[in-house]
Structures are given as structure tokens and as C-alpha cells.
PDB file of N, CA and C in Angstrom:
ATOM      1  N   UNK A   1     -50.155   3.705  -8.129  1.00  0.00           N
ATOM      2  CA  UNK A   1     -49.448   2.217  -7.519  1.00  0.00           C
ATOM      3  C   UNK A   1     -48.280   2.483  -7.926  1.00  0.00           C
ATOM      4  N   UNK A   2     -47.359   2.463  -6.904  1.00  0.00           N
ATOM      5  CA  UNK A   2     -45.754   2.359  -7.384  1.00  0.00           C
ATOM      6  C   UNK A   2     -45.138   1.398  -6.756  1.00  0.00           C
ATOM      7  N   UNK A   3     -44.080   0.655  -8.022  1.00  0.00           N
ATOM      8  CA  UNK A   3     -43.441  -0.771  -7.874  1.00  0.00           C
ATOM      9  C   UNK A   3     -42.060  -0.144  -7.285  1.00  0.00           C
ATOM     10  N   UNK A   4     -42.051  -0.913  -5.821  1.00  0.00           N
ATOM     11  CA  UNK A   4     -40.639  -0.765  -5.942  1.00  0.00           C
ATOM     12  C   UNK A   4     -39.462  -2.219  -6.026  1.00  0.00           C
ATOM     13  N   UNK A   5     -38.416  -1.553  -6.883  1.00  0.00           N
ATOM     14  CA  UNK A   5     -37.639  -2.523  -7.348  1.00  0.00           C
ATOM     15  C   UNK A   5     -36.446  -2.799  -6.476  1.00  0.00           C
ATOM     16  N   UNK A   6     -36.277  -4.036  -6.521  1.00  0.00           N
ATOM     17  CA  UNK A   6     -35.769  -4.807  -5.651  1.00  0.00           C
ATOM     18  C   UNK A   6     -34.140  -5.487  -6.348  1.00  0.00           C
ATOM     19  N   UNK A   7     -33.160  -4.998  -6.011  1.00  0.00           N
ATOM     20  CA  UNK A   7     -31.624  -5.588  -7.142  1.00  0.00           C
ATOM     21  C   UNK A   7     -31.754  -7.173  -6.793  1.00  0.00           C
ATOM     22  N   UNK A   8     -31.354  -8.208  -7.081  1.00  0.00           N
ATOM     23  CA  UNK A   8     -31.216  -9.385  -6.905  1.00  0.00           C
ATOM     24  C   UNK A   8     -29.762  -9.306  -6.728  1.00  0.00           C
ATOM     25  N   UNK A   9     -29.518  -9.846  -5.241  1.00  0.00           N
ATOM     26  CA  UNK A   9     -27.864 -10.185  -5.099  1.00  0.00           C
ATOM     27  C   UNK A   9     -27.809 -11.544  -5.457  1.00  0.00           C
ATOM     28  N   UNK A  10     -26.623 -11.747  -6.320  1.00  0.00           N
ATOM     29  CA  UNK A  10     -25.978 -12.872  -6.858  1.00  0.00           C
ATOM     30  C   UNK A  10     -24.738 -13.274  -5.796  1.00  0.00           C
ATOM     31  N   UNK A  11     -24.640 -14.269  -5.268  1.00  0.00           N
ATOM     32  CA  UNK A  11     -23.460 -14.820  -4.572  1.00  0.00           C
ATOM     33  C   UNK A  11     -22.816 -15.488  -5.473  1.00  0.00           C
ATOM     34  N   UNK A  12     -21.945 -15.701  -5.533  1.00  0.00           N
ATOM     35  CA  UNK A  12     -21.000 -16.411  -6.173  1.00  0.00           C
ATOM     36  C   UNK A  12     -20.156 -17.735  -5.361  1.00  0.00           C
ATOM     37  N   UNK A  13     -19.984 -17.132  -4.199  1.00  0.00           N
ATOM     38  CA  UNK A  13     -19.268 -17.928  -3.123  1.00  0.00           C
ATOM     39  C   UNK A  13     -19.838 -17.943  -1.747  1.00  0.00           C
ATOM     40  N   UNK A  14     -21.099 -18.348  -1.468  1.00  0.00           N
ATOM     41  CA  UNK A  14     -21.527 -18.401  -0.249  1.00  0.00           C
ATOM     42  C   UNK A  14     -20.778 -18.923   0.881  1.00  0.00           C
ATOM     43  N   UNK A  15     -19.611 -19.700   0.927  1.00  0.00           N
ATOM     44  CA  UNK A  15     -18.765 -20.435   2.270  1.00  0.00           C
ATOM     45  C   UNK A  15     -17.990 -18.911   2.031  1.00  0.00           C
ATOM     46  N   UNK A  16     -17.667 -18.380   1.565  1.00  0.00           N
ATOM     47  CA  UNK A  16     -16.814 -17.365   1.363  1.00  0.00           C
ATOM     48  C   UNK A  16     -17.314 -15.978   2.251  1.00  0.00           C
ATOM     49  N   UNK A  17     -18.403 -15.714   1.423  1.00  0.00           N
ATOM     50  CA  UNK A  17     -19.286 -14.846   2.288  1.00  0.00           C
ATOM     51  C   UNK A  17     -19.756 -15.024   3.525  1.00  0.00           C
ATOM     52  N   UNK A  18     -20.238 -16.377   4.037  1.00  0.00           N
ATOM     53  CA  UNK A  18     -20.843 -16.218   5.249  1.00  0.00           C
ATOM     54  C   UNK A  18     -19.368 -16.408   6.106  1.00  0.00           C
ATOM     55  N   UNK A  19     -18.217 -16.432   5.741  1.00  0.00           N
ATOM     56  CA  UNK A  19     -16.964 -16.698   6.574  1.00  0.00           C
ATOM     57  C   UNK A  19     -16.333 -15.264   6.913  1.00  0.00           C
ATOM     58  N   UNK A  20     -16.468 -14.536   5.783  1.00  0.00           N
ATOM     59  CA  UNK A  20     -16.314 -12.940   5.801  1.00  0.00           C
ATOM     60  C   UNK A  20     -17.150 -12.460   7.151  1.00  0.00           C
ATOM     61  N   UNK A  21     -18.736 -12.630   6.663  1.00  0.00           N
ATOM     62  CA  UNK A  21     -20.081 -12.225   7.847  1.00  0.00           C
ATOM     63  C   UNK A  21     -19.402 -12.617   9.344  1.00  0.00           C
ATOM     64  N   UNK A  22     -18.842 -13.895   9.534  1.00  0.00           N
ATOM     65  CA  UNK A  22     -18.916 -14.560  10.581  1.00  0.00           C
ATOM     66  C   UNK A  22     -17.802 -14.299  11.399  1.00  0.00           C
ATOM     67  N   UNK A  23     -16.871 -13.395  10.447  1.00  0.00           N
ATOM     68  CA  UNK A  23     -15.442 -12.718  11.386  1.00  0.00           C
ATOM     69  C   UNK A  23     -15.727 -11.052  11.547  1.00  0.00           C
ATOM     70  N   UNK A  24     -16.631 -10.538  10.748  1.00  0.00           N
ATOM     71  CA  UNK A  24     -16.646  -8.948  10.983  1.00  0.00           C
ATOM     72  C   UNK A  24     -17.170  -8.344  12.153  1.00  0.00           C
ATOM     73  N   UNK A  25     -16.518  -7.560  12.267  1.00  0.00           N
ATOM     74  CA  UNK A  25     -15.976  -6.831  13.798  1.00  0.00           C
ATOM     75  C   UNK A  25     -17.374  -5.639  13.719  1.00  0.00           C
ATOM     76  N   UNK A  26     -18.020  -5.381  14.671  1.00  0.00           N
ATOM     77  CA  UNK A  26     -18.954  -4.468  15.151  1.00  0.00           C
ATOM     78  C   UNK A  26     -18.659  -3.071  14.399  1.00  0.00           C
ATOM     79  N   UNK A  27     -19.654  -2.482  13.952  1.00  0.00           N
ATOM     80  CA  UNK A  27     -19.686  -1.462  13.521  1.00  0.00           C
ATOM     81  C   UNK A  27     -19.189  -0.329  13.784  1.00  0.00           C
ATOM     82  N   UNK A  28     -19.171  -0.356  15.390  1.00  0.00           N
ATOM     83  CA  UNK A  28     -18.539   0.539  16.013  1.00  0.00           C
ATOM     84  C   UNK A  28     -17.039   0.862  16.338  1.00  0.00           C
ATOM     85  N   UNK A  29     -16.210  -0.476  15.632  1.00  0.00           N
ATOM     86  CA  UNK A  29     -14.726  -0.887  15.701  1.00  0.00           C
ATOM     87  C   UNK A  29     -14.585  -0.074  14.411  1.00  0.00           C
ATOM     88  N   UNK A  30     -15.290  -0.402  13.008  1.00  0.00           N
ATOM     89  CA  UNK A  30     -15.358   0.034  11.849  1.00  0.00           C
ATOM     90  C   UNK A  30     -15.568   1.746  11.987  1.00  0.00           C
ATOM     91  N   UNK A  31     -16.497   2.032  12.961  1.00  0.00           N
ATOM     92  CA  UNK A  31     -16.968   3.558  13.068  1.00  0.00           C
ATOM     93  C   UNK A  31     -15.284   4.400  13.616  1.00  0.00           C
ATOM     94  N   UNK A  32     -14.860   3.697  14.836  1.00  0.00           N
ATOM     95  CA  UNK A  32     -13.398   4.051  15.350  1.00  0.00           C
ATOM     96  C   UNK A  32     -12.077   4.110  14.238  1.00  0.00           C
ATOM     97  N   UNK A  33     -12.100   2.947  13.321  1.00  0.00           N
ATOM     98  CA  UNK A  33     -10.813   2.717  12.559  1.00  0.00           C
ATOM     99  C   UNK A  33     -10.811   3.868  11.820  1.00  0.00           C
ATOM    100  N   UNK A  34     -11.951   3.861  11.500  1.00  0.00           N
ATOM    101  CA  UNK A  34     -12.577   5.128  10.598  1.00  0.00           C
ATOM    102  C   UNK A  34     -11.924   6.625  11.121  1.00  0.00           C
ATOM    103  N   UNK A  35     -12.338   6.957  11.757  1.00  0.00           N
ATOM    104  CA  UNK A  35     -11.789   8.158  12.904  1.00  0.00           C
ATOM    105  C   UNK A  35     -10.513   8.318  12.886  1.00  0.00           C
ATOM    106  N   UNK A  36      -9.572   6.995  13.266  1.00  0.00           N
ATOM    107  CA  UNK A  36      -8.228   7.049  13.337  1.00  0.00           C
ATOM    108  C   UNK A  36      -7.839   7.474  11.974  1.00  0.00           C
ATOM    109  N   UNK A  37      -8.411   6.654  10.702  1.00  0.00           N
ATOM    110  CA  UNK A  37      -7.465   7.480   9.482  1.00  0.00           C
ATOM    111  C   UNK A  37      -7.782   8.694   8.899  1.00  0.00           C
ATOM    112  N   UNK A  38      -9.217   9.219   9.505  1.00  0.00           N
ATOM    113  CA  UNK A  38      -9.431  10.522   9.388  1.00  0.00           C
ATOM    114  C   UNK A  38      -8.223  11.470  10.147  1.00  0.00           C
ATOM    115  N   UNK A  39      -8.202  11.109  11.322  1.00  0.00           N
ATOM    116  CA  UNK A  39      -7.202  11.864  12.139  1.00  0.00           C
ATOM    117  C   UNK A  39      -5.570  11.673  11.065  1.00  0.00           C
ATOM    118  N   UNK A  40      -5.503  10.801  10.705  1.00  0.00           N
ATOM    119  CA  UNK A  40      -4.233  10.888   9.949  1.00  0.00           C
ATOM    120  C   UNK A  40      -3.922  10.835   8.823  1.00  0.00           C
ATOM    121  N   UNK A  41      -5.142  11.638   7.978  1.00  0.00           N
ATOM    122  CA  UNK A  41      -5.679  12.087   6.872  1.00  0.00           C
ATOM    123  C   UNK A  41      -4.999  13.737   6.573  1.00  0.00           C
ATOM    124  N   UNK A  42      -4.304  14.206   7.797  1.00  0.00           N
ATOM    125  CA  UNK A  42      -4.685  16.081   7.868  1.00  0.00           C
ATOM    126  C   UNK A  42      -2.823  16.197   7.939  1.00  0.00           C
ATOM    127  N   UNK A  43      -2.168  16.563   6.900  1.00  0.00           N
ATOM    128  CA  UNK A  43      -0.667  16.869   7.057  1.00  0.00           C
ATOM    129  C   UNK A  43      -0.252  17.656   8.066  1.00  0.00           C
ATOM    130  N   UNK A  44      -1.169  18.532   8.838  1.00  0.00           N
ATOM    131  CA  UNK A  44      -0.584  19.119  10.221  1.00  0.00           C
ATOM    132  C   UNK A  44      -0.525  18.479  11.248  1.00  0.00           C
ATOM    133  N   UNK A  45      -1.667  17.400  11.413  1.00  0.00           N
ATOM    134  CA  UNK A  45      -1.287  16.296  12.313  1.00  0.00           C
ATOM    135  C   UNK A  45       0.047  14.950  12.101  1.00  0.00           C
ATOM    136  N   UNK A  46       0.046  14.750  10.858  1.00  0.00           N
ATOM    137  CA  UNK A  46       1.233  14.248  10.313  1.00  0.00           C
ATOM    138  C   UNK A  46       2.188  14.672  11.108  1.00  0.00           C
ATOM    139  N   UNK A  47       2.404  15.916  10.736  1.00  0.00           N
ATOM    140  CA  UNK A  47       3.725  16.933  11.054  1.00  0.00           C
ATOM    141  C   UNK A  47       3.348  16.474  12.948  1.00  0.00           C
ATOM    142  N   UNK A  48       2.867  16.454  13.433  1.00  0.00           N
ATOM    143  CA  UNK A  48       2.585  16.623  14.930  1.00  0.00           C
ATOM    144  C   UNK A  48       3.188  15.281  15.015  1.00  0.00           C
ATOM    145  N   UNK A  49       2.485  14.054  14.679  1.00  0.00           N
ATOM    146  CA  UNK A  49       3.149  12.540  15.386  1.00  0.00           C
ATOM    147  C   UNK A  49       4.631  13.032  14.986  1.00  0.00           C
ATOM    148  N   UNK A  50       5.054  13.248  13.932  1.00  0.00           N
ATOM    149  CA  UNK A  50       6.225  13.279  13.211  1.00  0.00           C
ATOM    150  C   UNK A  50       7.233  13.793  14.347  1.00  0.00           C
ATOM    151  N   UNK A  51       7.021  15.267  15.025  1.00  0.00           N
ATOM    152  CA  UNK A  51       7.891  16.064  16.232  1.00  0.00           C
ATOM    153  C   UNK A  51       7.615  15.383  17.125  1.00  0.00           C
ATOM    154  N   UNK A  52       6.617  14.378  17.474  1.00  0.00           N
ATOM    155  CA  UNK A  52       6.332  13.686  18.779  1.00  0.00           C
ATOM    156  C   UNK A  52       7.379  12.264  18.928  1.00  0.00           C
ATOM    157  N   UNK A  53       8.083  11.997  17.833  1.00  0.00           N
ATOM    158  CA  UNK A  53       8.979  10.552  17.440  1.00  0.00           C
ATOM    159  C   UNK A  53      10.190  10.859  18.326  1.00  0.00           C
ATOM    160  N   UNK A  54      10.707  12.209  18.907  1.00  0.00           N
ATOM    161  CA  UNK A  54      11.533  12.667  19.792  1.00  0.00           C
ATOM    162  C   UNK A  54      11.446  12.451  21.199  1.00  0.00           C
ATOM    163  N   UNK A  55       9.872  12.398  21.488  1.00  0.00           N
ATOM    164  CA  UNK A  55       9.633  12.604  22.631  1.00  0.00           C
ATOM    165  C   UNK A  55       8.606  13.727  22.801  1.00  0.00           C
ATOM    166  N   UNK A  56       8.202  13.674  24.164  1.00  0.00           N
ATOM    167  CA  UNK A  56       7.037  14.649  24.711  1.00  0.00           C
ATOM    168  C   UNK A  56       7.488  16.143  23.973  1.00  0.00           C
ATOM    169  N   UNK A  57       6.453  16.817  23.419  1.00  0.00           N
ATOM    170  CA  UNK A  57       6.543  18.042  23.717  1.00  0.00           C
ATOM    171  C   UNK A  57       5.600  19.244  24.315  1.00  0.00           C
ATOM    172  N   UNK A  58       5.929  20.506  24.524  1.00  0.00           N
ATOM    173  CA  UNK A  58       5.002  21.195  24.965  1.00  0.00           C
ATOM    174  C   UNK A  58       4.103  22.185  23.742  1.00  0.00           C
ATOM    175  N   UNK A  59       2.950  22.451  23.978  1.00  0.00           N
ATOM    176  CA  UNK A  59       1.975  23.324  22.972  1.00  0.00           C
ATOM    177  C   UNK A  59       3.055  24.832  22.625  1.00  0.00           C
ATOM    178  N   UNK A  60       4.053  25.259  23.162  1.00  0.00           N
ATOM    179  CA  UNK A  60       5.313  26.109  22.588  1.00  0.00           C
ATOM    180  C   UNK A  60       5.928  25.965  21.879  1.00  0.00           C
ATOM    181  N   UNK A  61       6.491  24.312  22.549  1.00  0.00           N
ATOM    182  CA  UNK A  61       7.728  24.222  21.063  1.00  0.00           C
ATOM    183  C   UNK A  61       6.933  23.125  20.012  1.00  0.00           C
ATOM    184  N   UNK A  62       5.730  23.025  19.508  1.00  0.00           N
ATOM    185  CA  UNK A  62       5.231  22.677  18.903  1.00  0.00           C
ATOM    186  C   UNK A  62       4.740  23.596  17.827  1.00  0.00           C
ATOM    187  N   UNK A  63       4.628  24.845  18.605  1.00  0.00           N
ATOM    188  CA  UNK A  63       4.263  26.040  17.609  1.00  0.00           C
ATOM    189  C   UNK A  63       5.669  26.184  16.659  1.00  0.00           C
ATOM    190  N   UNK A  64       6.436  26.274  17.399  1.00  0.00           N
ATOM    191  CA  UNK A  64       7.796  26.308  16.987  1.00  0.00           C
ATOM    192  C   UNK A  64       8.070  25.334  15.744  1.00  0.00           C
ATOM    193  N   UNK A  65       7.926  24.326  15.973  1.00  0.00           N
ATOM    194  CA  UNK A  65       8.228  23.114  14.923  1.00  0.00           C
ATOM    195  C   UNK A  65       7.297  23.122  13.797  1.00  0.00           C
ATOM    196  N   UNK A  66       6.237  23.109  14.121  1.00  0.00           N
ATOM    197  CA  UNK A  66       5.388  23.902  12.556  1.00  0.00           C
ATOM    198  C   UNK A  66       5.058  24.891  12.346  1.00  0.00           C
ATOM    199  N   UNK A  67       5.433  26.048  12.747  1.00  0.00           N
ATOM    200  CA  UNK A  67       5.499  27.539  12.469  1.00  0.00           C
ATOM    201  C   UNK A  67       3.813  27.806  12.413  1.00  0.00           C
ATOM    202  N   UNK A  68       3.242  27.230  13.418  1.00  0.00           N
ATOM    203  CA  UNK A  68       1.430  28.353  13.448  1.00  0.00           C
ATOM    204  C   UNK A  68       1.527  28.480  14.384  1.00  0.00           C
ATOM    205  N   UNK A  69       0.142  28.849  14.900  1.00  0.00           N
ATOM    206  CA  UNK A  69       0.141  29.641  15.998  1.00  0.00           C
ATOM    207  C   UNK A  69      -0.225  28.539  17.361  1.00  0.00           C
ATOM    208  N   UNK A  70      -0.216  29.106  18.620  1.00  0.00           N
ATOM    209  CA  UNK A  70      -0.434  28.431  19.220  1.00  0.00           C
ATOM    210  C   UNK A  70      -2.187  27.980  19.700  1.00  0.00           C
ATOM    211  N   UNK A  71      -3.032  28.946  19.111  1.00  0.00           N
ATOM    212  CA  UNK A  71      -4.200  28.069  18.707  1.00  0.00           C
ATOM    213  C   UNK A  71      -4.688  27.311  18.196  1.00  0.00           C
ATOM    214  N   UNK A  72      -3.749  27.352  16.600  1.00  0.00           N
ATOM    215  CA  UNK A  72      -3.775  26.261  15.947  1.00  0.00           C
ATOM    216  C   UNK A  72      -3.455  24.791  16.237  1.00  0.00           C
ATOM    217  N   UNK A  73      -1.990  25.131  16.512  1.00  0.00           N
ATOM    218  CA  UNK A  73      -1.535  23.868  17.062  1.00  0.00           C
ATOM    219  C   UNK A  73      -2.689  23.561  18.400  1.00  0.00           C
ATOM    220  N   UNK A  74      -3.241  23.874  19.251  1.00  0.00           N
ATOM    221  CA  UNK A  74      -3.964  23.724  20.314  1.00  0.00           C
ATOM    222  C   UNK A  74      -5.121  22.918  19.570  1.00  0.00           C
ATOM    223  N   UNK A  75      -5.671  23.536  18.705  1.00  0.00           N
ATOM    224  CA  UNK A  75      -7.105  22.981  17.962  1.00  0.00           C
ATOM    225  C   UNK A  75      -6.830  21.308  17.324  1.00  0.00           C
ATOM    226  N   UNK A  76      -5.495  21.416  16.907  1.00  0.00           N
ATOM    227  CA  UNK A  76      -5.120  20.137  16.022  1.00  0.00           C
ATOM    228  C   UNK A  76      -4.689  18.900  17.328  1.00  0.00           C
ATOM    229  N   UNK A  77      -4.270  19.256  18.497  1.00  0.00           N
ATOM    230  CA  UNK A  77      -3.829  18.479  19.845  1.00  0.00           C
ATOM    231  C   UNK A  77      -5.035  18.293  20.192  1.00  0.00           C
ATOM    232  N   UNK A  78      -5.932  19.026  20.331  1.00  0.00           N
ATOM    233  CA  UNK A  78      -7.268  18.825  21.173  1.00  0.00           C
ATOM    234  C   UNK A  78      -8.197  17.380  20.410  1.00  0.00           C
ATOM    235  N   UNK A  79      -8.319  17.882  18.776  1.00  0.00           N
ATOM    236  CA  UNK A  79      -8.725  16.538  18.274  1.00  0.00           C
ATOM    237  C   UNK A  79      -8.131  15.343  18.509  1.00  0.00           C
ATOM    238  N   UNK A  80      -7.002  15.359  18.075  1.00  0.00           N
ATOM    239  CA  UNK A  80      -6.223  14.050  18.328  1.00  0.00           C
ATOM    240  C   UNK A  80      -5.983  13.312  19.444  1.00  0.00           C
ATOM    241  N   UNK A  81      -6.263  14.406  20.867  1.00  0.00           N
ATOM    242  CA  UNK A  81      -6.700  13.899  22.326  1.00  0.00           C
ATOM    243  C   UNK A  81      -7.771  13.203  22.296  1.00  0.00           C
ATOM    244  N   UNK A  82      -8.931  13.591  21.571  1.00  0.00           N
ATOM    245  CA  UNK A  82     -10.088  13.223  21.380  1.00  0.00           C
ATOM    246  C   UNK A  82     -10.253  11.976  20.926  1.00  0.00           C
ATOM    247  N   UNK A  83      -9.450  11.650  20.168  1.00  0.00           N
ATOM    248  CA  UNK A  83      -9.482  10.446  19.184  1.00  0.00           C
ATOM    249  C   UNK A  83      -8.668   9.496  19.865  1.00  0.00           C
ATOM    250  N   UNK A  84      -7.858   9.950  21.445  1.00  0.00           N
ATOM    251  CA  UNK A  84      -7.045   8.608  22.063  1.00  0.00           C
ATOM    252  C   UNK A  84      -5.873   8.745  21.102  1.00  0.00           C
ATOM    253  N   UNK A  85      -5.129   9.257  20.696  1.00  0.00           N
ATOM    254  CA  UNK A  85      -4.014   9.312  20.072  1.00  0.00           C
ATOM    255  C   UNK A  85      -3.028   9.994  20.588  1.00  0.00           C
ATOM    256  N   UNK A  86      -3.094  10.826  21.457  1.00  0.00           N
ATOM    257  CA  UNK A  86      -2.285  11.821  22.297  1.00  0.00           C
ATOM    258  C   UNK A  86      -3.033  11.469  23.652  1.00  0.00           C
ATOM    259  N   UNK A  87      -1.484  11.607  24.428  1.00  0.00           N
ATOM    260  CA  UNK A  87      -2.372  12.293  25.708  1.00  0.00           C
ATOM    261  C   UNK A  87      -1.524  12.977  26.163  1.00  0.00           C
ATOM    262  N   UNK A  88      -1.989  14.063  27.271  1.00  0.00           N
ATOM    263  CA  UNK A  88      -1.383  15.162  27.894  1.00  0.00           C
ATOM    264  C   UNK A  88      -1.025  15.117  29.191  1.00  0.00           C
ATOM    265  N   UNK A  89       0.055  15.959  29.758  1.00  0.00           N
ATOM    266  CA  UNK A  89       0.571  15.929  31.041  1.00  0.00           C
ATOM    267  C   UNK A  89       0.424  17.826  31.451  1.00  0.00           C
ATOM    268  N   UNK A  90       0.180  17.997  32.414  1.00  0.00           N
ATOM    269  CA  UNK A  90       0.023  19.599  32.497  1.00  0.00           C
ATOM    270  C   UNK A  90       1.315  19.907  33.804  1.00  0.00           C
ATOM    271  N   UNK A  91       2.197  20.454  33.435  1.00  0.00           N
ATOM    272  CA  UNK A  91       3.749  20.434  34.343  1.00  0.00           C
ATOM    273  C   UNK A  91       3.394  22.204  34.499  1.00  0.00           C
ATOM    274  N   UNK A  92       3.433  22.441  35.652  1.00  0.00           N
ATOM    275  CA  UNK A  92       3.437  24.284  35.766  1.00  0.00           C
ATOM    276  C   UNK A  92       2.304  24.734  34.723  1.00  0.00           C
ATOM    277  N   UNK A  93       2.870  25.787  33.846  1.00  0.00           N
ATOM    278  CA  UNK A  93       2.188  26.699  32.954  1.00  0.00           C
ATOM    279  C   UNK A  93       2.243  25.549  31.167  1.00  0.00           C
ATOM    280  N   UNK A  94       2.461  24.771  31.350  1.00  0.00           N
ATOM    281  CA  UNK A  94       2.898  24.254  30.262  1.00  0.00           C
ATOM    282  C   UNK A  94       2.411  22.797  29.837  1.00  0.00           C
ATOM    283  N   UNK A  95       1.103  22.474  28.558  1.00  0.00           N
ATOM    284  CA  UNK A  95       1.324  20.922  28.527  1.00  0.00           C
ATOM    285  C   UNK A  95       1.985  20.419  27.891  1.00  0.00           C
ATOM    286  N   UNK A  96       2.046  19.312  28.162  1.00  0.00           N
ATOM    287  CA  UNK A  96       2.946  17.964  27.185  1.00  0.00           C
ATOM    288  C   UNK A  96       2.505  17.240  26.747  1.00  0.00           C
ATOM    289  N   UNK A  97       2.398  16.777  25.239  1.00  0.00           N
ATOM    290  CA  UNK A  97       1.933  15.789  24.817  1.00  0.00           C
ATOM    291  C   UNK A  97       2.385  15.313  24.050  1.00  0.00           C
ATOM    292  N   UNK A  98       2.043  13.499  24.434  1.00  0.00           N
ATOM    293  CA  UNK A  98       3.090  11.973  23.906  1.00  0.00           C
ATOM    294  C   UNK A  98       2.185  11.462  23.237  1.00  0.00           C
ATOM    295  N   UNK A  99       2.481  10.179  22.558  1.00  0.00           N
ATOM    296  CA  UNK A  99       2.117   9.592  21.814  1.00  0.00           C
ATOM    297  C   UNK A  99       1.000   8.502  23.602  1.00  0.00           C
ATOM    298  N   UNK A 100      -0.415   8.256  23.145  1.00  0.00           N
ATOM    299  CA  UNK A 100      -1.446   7.543  23.850  1.00  0.00           C
ATOM    300  C   UNK A 100      -0.688   6.092  24.150  1.00  0.00           C
ATOM    301  N   UNK A 101       0.095   5.399  23.444  1.00  0.00           N
ATOM    302  CA  UNK A 101       0.328   4.322  23.266  1.00  0.00           C
ATOM    303  C   UNK A 101       1.380   4.188  22.233  1.00  0.00           C
ATOM    304  N   UNK A 102       1.960   2.789  22.537  1.00  0.00           N
ATOM    305  CA  UNK A 102       3.019   2.126  21.193  1.00  0.00           C
ATOM    306  C   UNK A 102       1.984   1.975  20.051  1.00  0.00           C
ATOM    307  N   UNK A 103       0.812   1.777  19.734  1.00  0.00           N
ATOM    308  CA  UNK A 103       0.312   1.466  18.541  1.00  0.00           C
ATOM    309  C   UNK A 103       0.101   2.736  17.794  1.00  0.00           C
ATOM    310  N   UNK A 104       0.023   3.758  18.332  1.00  0.00           N
ATOM    311  CA  UNK A 104      -0.346   4.832  17.178  1.00  0.00           C
ATOM    312  C   UNK A 104       1.101   5.674  16.642  1.00  0.00           C
ATOM    313  N   UNK A 105       2.504   5.262  17.536  1.00  0.00           N
ATOM    314  CA  UNK A 105       3.353   5.346  16.983  1.00  0.00           C
ATOM    315  C   UNK A 105       4.062   4.145  15.993  1.00  0.00           C
ATOM    316  N   UNK A 106       3.365   3.004  15.923  1.00  0.00           N
ATOM    317  CA  UNK A 106       3.596   1.613  14.798  1.00  0.00           C
ATOM    318  C   UNK A 106       3.205   2.282  14.007  1.00  0.00           C
ATOM    319  N   UNK A 107       1.924   2.529  14.105  1.00  0.00           N
ATOM    320  CA  UNK A 107       0.769   2.935  13.046  1.00  0.00           C
ATOM    321  C   UNK A 107       1.322   3.795  11.836  1.00  0.00           C
ATOM    322  N   UNK A 108       2.243   5.012  12.515  1.00  0.00           N
ATOM    323  CA  UNK A 108       2.499   6.018  11.726  1.00  0.00           C
ATOM    324  C   UNK A 108       3.862   5.720  10.755  1.00  0.00           C
ATOM    325  N   UNK A 109       4.821   4.995  11.739  1.00  0.00           N
ATOM    326  CA  UNK A 109       6.023   4.425  11.124  1.00  0.00           C
ATOM    327  C   UNK A 109       5.712   3.799  10.106  1.00  0.00           C
ATOM    328  N   UNK A 110       4.828   2.747  10.199  1.00  0.00           N
ATOM    329  CA  UNK A 110       4.201   1.895   9.029  1.00  0.00           C
ATOM    330  C   UNK A 110       3.444   2.763   8.154  1.00  0.00           C
ATOM    331  N   UNK A 111       3.149   3.677   8.009  1.00  0.00           N
ATOM    332  CA  UNK A 111       2.249   4.387   6.979  1.00  0.00           C
ATOM    333  C   UNK A 111       3.248   4.653   6.548  1.00  0.00           C
ATOM    334  N   UNK A 112       4.354   5.527   6.877  1.00  0.00           N
ATOM    335  CA  UNK A 112       5.942   6.475   6.484  1.00  0.00           C
ATOM    336  C   UNK A 112       6.876   5.385   6.039  1.00  0.00           C
ATOM    337  N   UNK A 113       6.988   4.039   6.078  1.00  0.00           N
ATOM    338  CA  UNK A 113       7.695   2.907   5.472  1.00  0.00           C
ATOM    339  C   UNK A 113       7.273   2.964   4.181  1.00  0.00           C
ATOM    340  N   UNK A 114       5.899   2.610   3.947  1.00  0.00           N
ATOM    341  CA  UNK A 114       5.035   2.323   3.179  1.00  0.00           C
ATOM    342  C   UNK A 114       5.041   3.521   2.395  1.00  0.00           C
ATOM    343  N   UNK A 115       5.089   4.379   2.545  1.00  0.00           N
ATOM    344  CA  UNK A 115       5.049   5.892   1.425  1.00  0.00           C
ATOM    345  C   UNK A 115       6.289   5.505   0.645  1.00  0.00           C
ATOM    346  N   UNK A 116       7.289   5.592   1.636  1.00  0.00           N
ATOM    347  CA  UNK A 116       8.885   5.452   1.456  1.00  0.00           C
ATOM    348  C   UNK A 116       9.548   4.709   0.108  1.00  0.00           C
ATOM    349  N   UNK A 117       8.607   3.347   0.098  1.00  0.00           N
ATOM    350  CA  UNK A 117       8.990   2.459  -0.473  1.00  0.00           C
ATOM    351  C   UNK A 117       9.012   2.569  -1.966  1.00  0.00           C
TER     352      UNK A 117
END
């Protein structure tokens, strides 16, 4: 015979708990936010964001800015693009990258302002 122990959950403010639960987002939104923060947790990807503040850049130019191989930069760009943080446009032989929308740049700027305070 096995006994399964359930821990009793004691709530001190049920109204607050109900309010928070009512306003909770779907798990998929939390998953997407988690991915966003994961993408922002890498110094190389942050350097890419900072480089793109001055406008779009092609992969070759980003390799010069970051002093990394084209393969390494392309890998990071691919991750950022798949997370919908960057978008790209091919022009001739070059692929240019820029922020997907103003929210991405705003999030980065706010984080930068916060850590500089």
C-alpha cells in the first residue's frame, strides 16, 4: 500500500488569487515571452540588436561589426528571425536584416536604459 501525500494549499487572499487567475494569459503567450527573453539572453544577439539601431545591415557587414565568421553570424540571425524578432530581405547577393517591428527595438532600448541606470 502506498500513500500519496498531497500538500495543502493555503490561500490568504482568495480575492487577489481569483483576480490574478482571471487576468492570466494563455500558456502559449508565456511560452512566446519566454522565447523572447531567451533570445535576449545571449550577448552576441544583443550586439546584433545594437548594431541594427543604425539601420539594416547585411550579413557581411555584421561579420565585420561582430568580428565573427559568416556562419556564426548567420546562425544567430536565423535564430532571431525564427523568433520573429528580425526580418530579412534579399537584394542581389546580399541578405539585409532589420528589426521585425518597433516593439523589438523598444524592448532592447528599455533593457539598455535599465541596466545603465
